[in-house]
Amino acid sequence: MSTHPLAALTVGQIMQKLPGSIAILNHYLIDTCCGEHRSLAQAAVEANASLDAMLTDLNRLEEAPPEIMASRMASEQ
């Protein structure tokens, strides 16, 4: 289990805290509608997604403009 502060936040809290994070969450198939009350760690388990990779991308989001991050996520699909 990650000790990263974002891992304990809910998906909804992350979307509020990090504008542009929805592109990352969608990339990892995280439910951003009905699942917004789940912690990021719980949502990652349910989506069978790598929490560490998601946290890395969310940390990059804080450093990069949203349009750059969205472009990166689209090119990886």
C-alpha atoms as a PDB file:
ATOM      1  CA  MET A   1       0.000   0.000   0.000  1.00  0.00           C
ATOM      2  CA  SER A   2       1.356   3.402  -0.971  1.00  0.00           C
ATOM      3  CA  THR A   3       2.048   6.040   1.646  1.00  0.00           C
ATOM      4  CA  HIS A   4       1.820   8.803  -0.957  1.00  0.00           C
ATOM      5  CA  PRO A   5      -0.655  11.474   0.246  1.00  0.00           C
ATOM      6  CA  LEU A   6      -2.689  11.317  -2.969  1.00  0.00           C
ATOM      7  CA  ALA A   7      -3.348   7.582  -2.501  1.00  0.00           C
ATOM      8  CA  ALA A   8      -5.607   8.290   0.487  1.00  0.00           C
ATOM      9  CA  LEU A   9      -7.584  11.063  -1.203  1.00  0.00           C
ATOM     10  CA  THR A  10     -10.827  10.223  -2.926  1.00  0.00           C
ATOM     11  CA  VAL A  11     -11.043  10.334  -6.688  1.00  0.00           C
ATOM     12  CA  GLY A  12     -13.340  13.358  -6.338  1.00  0.00           C
ATOM     13  CA  GLN A  13     -10.834  15.177  -4.114  1.00  0.00           C
ATOM     14  CA  ILE A  14      -8.058  14.539  -6.621  1.00  0.00           C
ATOM     15  CA  MET A  15     -10.163  15.913  -9.472  1.00  0.00           C
ATOM     16  CA  GLN A  16     -10.741  19.083  -7.415  1.00  0.00           C
ATOM     17  CA  LYS A  17      -7.117  19.387  -6.279  1.00  0.00           C
ATOM     18  CA  LEU A  18      -5.523  18.694  -9.665  1.00  0.00           C
ATOM     19  CA  PRO A  19      -7.292  20.263 -12.628  1.00  0.00           C
ATOM     20  CA  GLY A  20      -6.649  18.062 -15.622  1.00  0.00           C
ATOM     21  CA  SER A  21      -6.384  14.871 -13.576  1.00  0.00           C
ATOM     22  CA  ILE A  22      -9.488  13.421 -15.208  1.00  0.00           C
ATOM     23  CA  ALA A  23      -7.447  12.577 -18.321  1.00  0.00           C
ATOM     24  CA  ILE A  24      -5.041  10.539 -16.199  1.00  0.00           C
ATOM     25  CA  LEU A  25      -7.821   8.866 -14.233  1.00  0.00           C
ATOM     26  CA  ASN A  26      -9.646   7.980 -17.451  1.00  0.00           C
ATOM     27  CA  HIS A  27      -6.430   6.595 -18.916  1.00  0.00           C
ATOM     28  CA  TYR A  28      -6.282   4.118 -16.023  1.00  0.00           C
ATOM     29  CA  LEU A  29     -10.024   3.355 -16.357  1.00  0.00           C
ATOM     30  CA  ILE A  30     -10.836   4.917 -12.979  1.00  0.00           C
ATOM     31  CA  ASP A  31     -14.563   5.570 -12.500  1.00  0.00           C
ATOM     32  CA  THR A  32     -14.705   9.358 -12.133  1.00  0.00           C
ATOM     33  CA  CYS A  33     -18.479   9.510 -11.817  1.00  0.00           C
ATOM     34  CA  CYS A  34     -19.954   6.871  -9.531  1.00  0.00           C
ATOM     35  CA  GLY A  35     -16.534   6.044  -8.071  1.00  0.00           C
ATOM     36  CA  GLU A  36     -15.536   9.533  -7.031  1.00  0.00           C
ATOM     37  CA  HIS A  37     -16.060   8.685  -3.344  1.00  0.00           C
ATOM     38  CA  ARG A  38     -13.439   5.889  -3.404  1.00  0.00           C
ATOM     39  CA  SER A  39      -9.841   6.471  -2.398  1.00  0.00           C
ATOM     40  CA  LEU A  40      -7.382   6.497  -5.265  1.00  0.00           C
ATOM     41  CA  ALA A  41      -5.789   3.345  -3.862  1.00  0.00           C
ATOM     42  CA  GLN A  42      -9.142   1.541  -3.754  1.00  0.00           C
ATOM     43  CA  ALA A  43     -10.092   2.760  -7.217  1.00  0.00           C
ATOM     44  CA  ALA A  44      -6.763   1.492  -8.597  1.00  0.00           C
ATOM     45  CA  VAL A  45      -7.390  -1.972  -7.167  1.00  0.00           C
ATOM     46  CA  GLU A  46     -10.916  -2.046  -8.600  1.00  0.00           C
ATOM     47  CA  ALA A  47      -9.657  -0.935 -12.038  1.00  0.00           C
ATOM     48  CA  ASN A  48      -6.698  -3.349 -11.902  1.00  0.00           C
ATOM     49  CA  ALA A  49      -4.455  -0.329 -12.474  1.00  0.00           C
ATOM     50  CA  SER A  50      -0.951   0.372 -11.203  1.00  0.00           C
ATOM     51  CA  LEU A  51      -1.244   2.797  -8.303  1.00  0.00           C
ATOM     52  CA  ASP A  52       2.457   3.669  -8.525  1.00  0.00           C
ATOM     53  CA  ALA A  53       2.226   4.511 -12.234  1.00  0.00           C
ATOM     54  CA  MET A  54      -0.898   6.574 -11.630  1.00  0.00           C
ATOM     55  CA  LEU A  55       0.777   8.494  -8.794  1.00  0.00           C
ATOM     56  CA  THR A  56       3.787   9.165 -11.020  1.00  0.00           C
ATOM     57  CA  ASP A  57       1.530  10.595 -13.724  1.00  0.00           C
ATOM     58  CA  LEU A  58      -0.437  12.684 -11.216  1.00  0.00           C
ATOM     59  CA  ASN A  59       2.818  14.088  -9.821  1.00  0.00           C
ATOM     60  CA  ARG A  60       3.888  15.016 -13.352  1.00  0.00           C
ATOM     61  CA  LEU A  61       0.564  16.771 -13.801  1.00  0.00           C
ATOM     62  CA  GLU A  62       1.445  19.163 -11.006  1.00  0.00           C
ATOM     63  CA  GLU A  63       4.560  20.115 -12.973  1.00  0.00           C
ATOM     64  CA  ALA A  64       3.140  20.215 -16.520  1.00  0.00           C
ATOM     65  CA  PRO A  65       0.331  22.228 -18.112  1.00  0.00           C
ATOM     66  CA  PRO A  66      -2.875  20.146 -18.548  1.00  0.00           C
ATOM     67  CA  GLU A  67      -2.795  20.223 -22.350  1.00  0.00           C
ATOM     68  CA  ILE A  68       0.685  18.674 -22.383  1.00  0.00           C
ATOM     69  CA  MET A  69      -0.330  15.897 -20.000  1.00  0.00           C
ATOM     70  CA  ALA A  70      -3.528  15.175 -21.975  1.00  0.00           C
ATOM     71  CA  SER A  71      -1.456  14.941 -25.145  1.00  0.00           C
ATOM     72  CA  ARG A  72       0.939  12.470 -23.484  1.00  0.00           C
ATOM     73  CA  MET A  73      -1.906  10.283 -22.229  1.00  0.00           C
ATOM     74  CA  ALA A  74      -3.563  10.240 -25.682  1.00  0.00           C
ATOM     75  CA  SER A  75      -0.326   9.245 -27.402  1.00  0.00           C
ATOM     76  CA  GLU A  76       0.137   6.277 -25.019  1.00  0.00           C
ATOM     77  CA  GLN A  77      -3.219   4.723 -25.874  1.00  0.00           C
END
